[in-house]
């Protein structure tokens, strides 16, 4: 019984002294290394390690965010195009 208590106390002590299972350095938030609080928030939301954008709207992949903000392709020369009520009209 005494040995079981000692083993349990030792295991708990080593568990508390070990590094957390999530490493803040493996998360990138808004272009910088995540703080421990940010990493814990991402882990709590089930987010995998990587680069993320966190704002008031939620959490999005940085790669997805970059593709959404990519510049639109250049318009063909000689045509003037414009949008009216989300409908593309060209002359």
C-alpha atoms as a PDB file:
ATOM      1  CA  UNK A   1       0.000   0.000   0.000  1.00  0.00           C
ATOM      2  CA  UNK A   2       2.795   2.385   0.924  1.00  0.00           C
ATOM      3  CA  UNK A   3       4.633   1.630  -2.327  1.00  0.00           C
ATOM      4  CA  UNK A   4       1.450   2.291  -4.350  1.00  0.00           C
ATOM      5  CA  UNK A   5       1.015   5.704  -2.722  1.00  0.00           C
ATOM      6  CA  UNK A   6       4.653   6.610  -3.364  1.00  0.00           C
ATOM      7  CA  UNK A   7       4.388   5.505  -7.014  1.00  0.00           C
ATOM      8  CA  UNK A   8       1.181   7.497  -7.496  1.00  0.00           C
ATOM      9  CA  UNK A   9       2.676  10.621  -5.916  1.00  0.00           C
ATOM     10  CA  UNK A  10       5.790  10.297  -8.070  1.00  0.00           C
ATOM     11  CA  UNK A  11       3.740   9.855 -11.252  1.00  0.00           C
ATOM     12  CA  UNK A  12       1.570  12.887 -10.454  1.00  0.00           C
ATOM     13  CA  UNK A  13       4.609  14.993  -9.607  1.00  0.00           C
ATOM     14  CA  UNK A  14       6.330  14.130 -12.863  1.00  0.00           C
ATOM     15  CA  UNK A  15       3.125  14.795 -14.750  1.00  0.00           C
ATOM     16  CA  UNK A  16       2.788  18.274 -13.306  1.00  0.00           C
ATOM     17  CA  UNK A  17       6.443  19.106 -13.898  1.00  0.00           C
ATOM     18  CA  UNK A  18       6.521  17.930 -17.514  1.00  0.00           C
ATOM     19  CA  UNK A  19       5.929  20.260 -20.436  1.00  0.00           C
ATOM     20  CA  UNK A  20       2.353  20.579 -21.609  1.00  0.00           C
ATOM     21  CA  UNK A  21       1.238  18.342 -24.457  1.00  0.00           C
ATOM     22  CA  UNK A  22       0.525  21.386 -26.606  1.00  0.00           C
ATOM     23  CA  UNK A  23       3.546  23.485 -27.478  1.00  0.00           C
ATOM     24  CA  UNK A  24       2.785  27.144 -28.022  1.00  0.00           C
ATOM     25  CA  UNK A  25       5.665  27.348 -30.507  1.00  0.00           C
ATOM     26  CA  UNK A  26       3.960  24.988 -32.935  1.00  0.00           C
ATOM     27  CA  UNK A  27       1.039  27.402 -33.380  1.00  0.00           C
ATOM     28  CA  UNK A  28       1.262  30.628 -35.392  1.00  0.00           C
ATOM     29  CA  UNK A  29      -1.498  33.150 -34.617  1.00  0.00           C
ATOM     30  CA  UNK A  30      -1.948  36.271 -36.755  1.00  0.00           C
ATOM     31  CA  UNK A  31       1.634  36.006 -38.014  1.00  0.00           C
ATOM     32  CA  UNK A  32       3.403  35.565 -34.654  1.00  0.00           C
ATOM     33  CA  UNK A  33       4.203  32.670 -32.367  1.00  0.00           C
ATOM     34  CA  UNK A  34       1.232  31.870 -30.163  1.00  0.00           C
ATOM     35  CA  UNK A  35       1.330  32.709 -26.492  1.00  0.00           C
ATOM     36  CA  UNK A  36       0.506  29.870 -24.090  1.00  0.00           C
ATOM     37  CA  UNK A  37      -2.998  31.318 -23.593  1.00  0.00           C
ATOM     38  CA  UNK A  38      -3.594  31.508 -27.362  1.00  0.00           C
ATOM     39  CA  UNK A  39      -2.322  27.961 -27.833  1.00  0.00           C
ATOM     40  CA  UNK A  40      -4.581  26.731 -25.052  1.00  0.00           C
ATOM     41  CA  UNK A  41      -7.563  28.483 -26.699  1.00  0.00           C
ATOM     42  CA  UNK A  42      -6.762  26.796 -30.038  1.00  0.00           C
ATOM     43  CA  UNK A  43      -6.385  23.380 -28.390  1.00  0.00           C
ATOM     44  CA  UNK A  44      -9.680  23.838 -26.545  1.00  0.00           C
ATOM     45  CA  UNK A  45     -11.379  24.501 -29.891  1.00  0.00           C
ATOM     46  CA  UNK A  46      -9.872  21.345 -31.437  1.00  0.00           C
ATOM     47  CA  UNK A  47      -7.551  23.182 -33.828  1.00  0.00           C
ATOM     48  CA  UNK A  48      -4.524  21.347 -35.224  1.00  0.00           C
ATOM     49  CA  UNK A  49      -1.023  22.808 -35.056  1.00  0.00           C
ATOM     50  CA  UNK A  50      -0.133  25.299 -37.788  1.00  0.00           C
ATOM     51  CA  UNK A  51      -0.768  28.890 -38.848  1.00  0.00           C
ATOM     52  CA  UNK A  52      -4.117  30.456 -37.902  1.00  0.00           C
ATOM     53  CA  UNK A  53      -5.901  33.785 -38.061  1.00  0.00           C
ATOM     54  CA  UNK A  54      -7.894  34.567 -34.913  1.00  0.00           C
ATOM     55  CA  UNK A  55     -10.197  37.587 -34.884  1.00  0.00           C
ATOM     56  CA  UNK A  56     -13.657  38.614 -33.713  1.00  0.00           C
ATOM     57  CA  UNK A  57     -15.298  36.386 -36.324  1.00  0.00           C
ATOM     58  CA  UNK A  58     -13.592  33.173 -35.238  1.00  0.00           C
ATOM     59  CA  UNK A  59     -10.621  31.014 -36.225  1.00  0.00           C
ATOM     60  CA  UNK A  60      -9.538  30.457 -39.831  1.00  0.00           C
ATOM     61  CA  UNK A  61      -6.570  28.798 -41.479  1.00  0.00           C
ATOM     62  CA  UNK A  62      -3.919  31.324 -42.504  1.00  0.00           C
ATOM     63  CA  UNK A  63      -3.611  29.622 -45.914  1.00  0.00           C
ATOM     64  CA  UNK A  64      -7.378  29.871 -46.423  1.00  0.00           C
ATOM     65  CA  UNK A  65      -7.336  33.493 -45.346  1.00  0.00           C
ATOM     66  CA  UNK A  66      -4.492  34.279 -47.770  1.00  0.00           C
ATOM     67  CA  UNK A  67      -6.388  32.722 -50.673  1.00  0.00           C
ATOM     68  CA  UNK A  68      -9.462  34.802 -49.805  1.00  0.00           C
ATOM     69  CA  UNK A  69      -7.478  38.032 -49.860  1.00  0.00           C
ATOM     70  CA  UNK A  70      -5.530  37.218 -53.038  1.00  0.00           C
ATOM     71  CA  UNK A  71      -5.843  39.888 -55.707  1.00  0.00           C
ATOM     72  CA  UNK A  72      -8.434  39.325 -58.397  1.00  0.00           C
ATOM     73  CA  UNK A  73      -7.157  38.360 -61.842  1.00  0.00           C
ATOM     74  CA  UNK A  74      -6.581  41.227 -64.246  1.00  0.00           C
ATOM     75  CA  UNK A  75      -9.466  42.221 -66.472  1.00  0.00           C
ATOM     76  CA  UNK A  76      -9.132  41.475 -70.182  1.00  0.00           C
ATOM     77  CA  UNK A  77      -7.893  44.481 -72.123  1.00  0.00           C
ATOM     78  CA  UNK A  78     -10.354  46.313 -74.355  1.00  0.00           C
ATOM     79  CA  UNK A  79     -13.385  45.369 -72.268  1.00  0.00           C
ATOM     80  CA  UNK A  80     -14.837  47.353 -69.446  1.00  0.00           C
ATOM     81  CA  UNK A  81     -16.574  45.142 -66.905  1.00  0.00           C
ATOM     82  CA  UNK A  82     -18.471  46.102 -63.791  1.00  0.00           C
ATOM     83  CA  UNK A  83     -20.837  44.545 -61.287  1.00  0.00           C
ATOM     84  CA  UNK A  84     -24.495  45.494 -60.845  1.00  0.00           C
ATOM     85  CA  UNK A  85     -26.248  43.673 -58.020  1.00  0.00           C
ATOM     86  CA  UNK A  86     -23.532  41.002 -58.035  1.00  0.00           C
ATOM     87  CA  UNK A  87     -23.966  40.394 -61.788  1.00  0.00           C
ATOM     88  CA  UNK A  88     -20.923  40.857 -63.991  1.00  0.00           C
ATOM     89  CA  UNK A  89     -21.673  43.110 -66.970  1.00  0.00           C
ATOM     90  CA  UNK A  90     -19.136  43.767 -69.728  1.00  0.00           C
ATOM     91  CA  UNK A  91     -19.234  46.243 -72.636  1.00  0.00           C
END
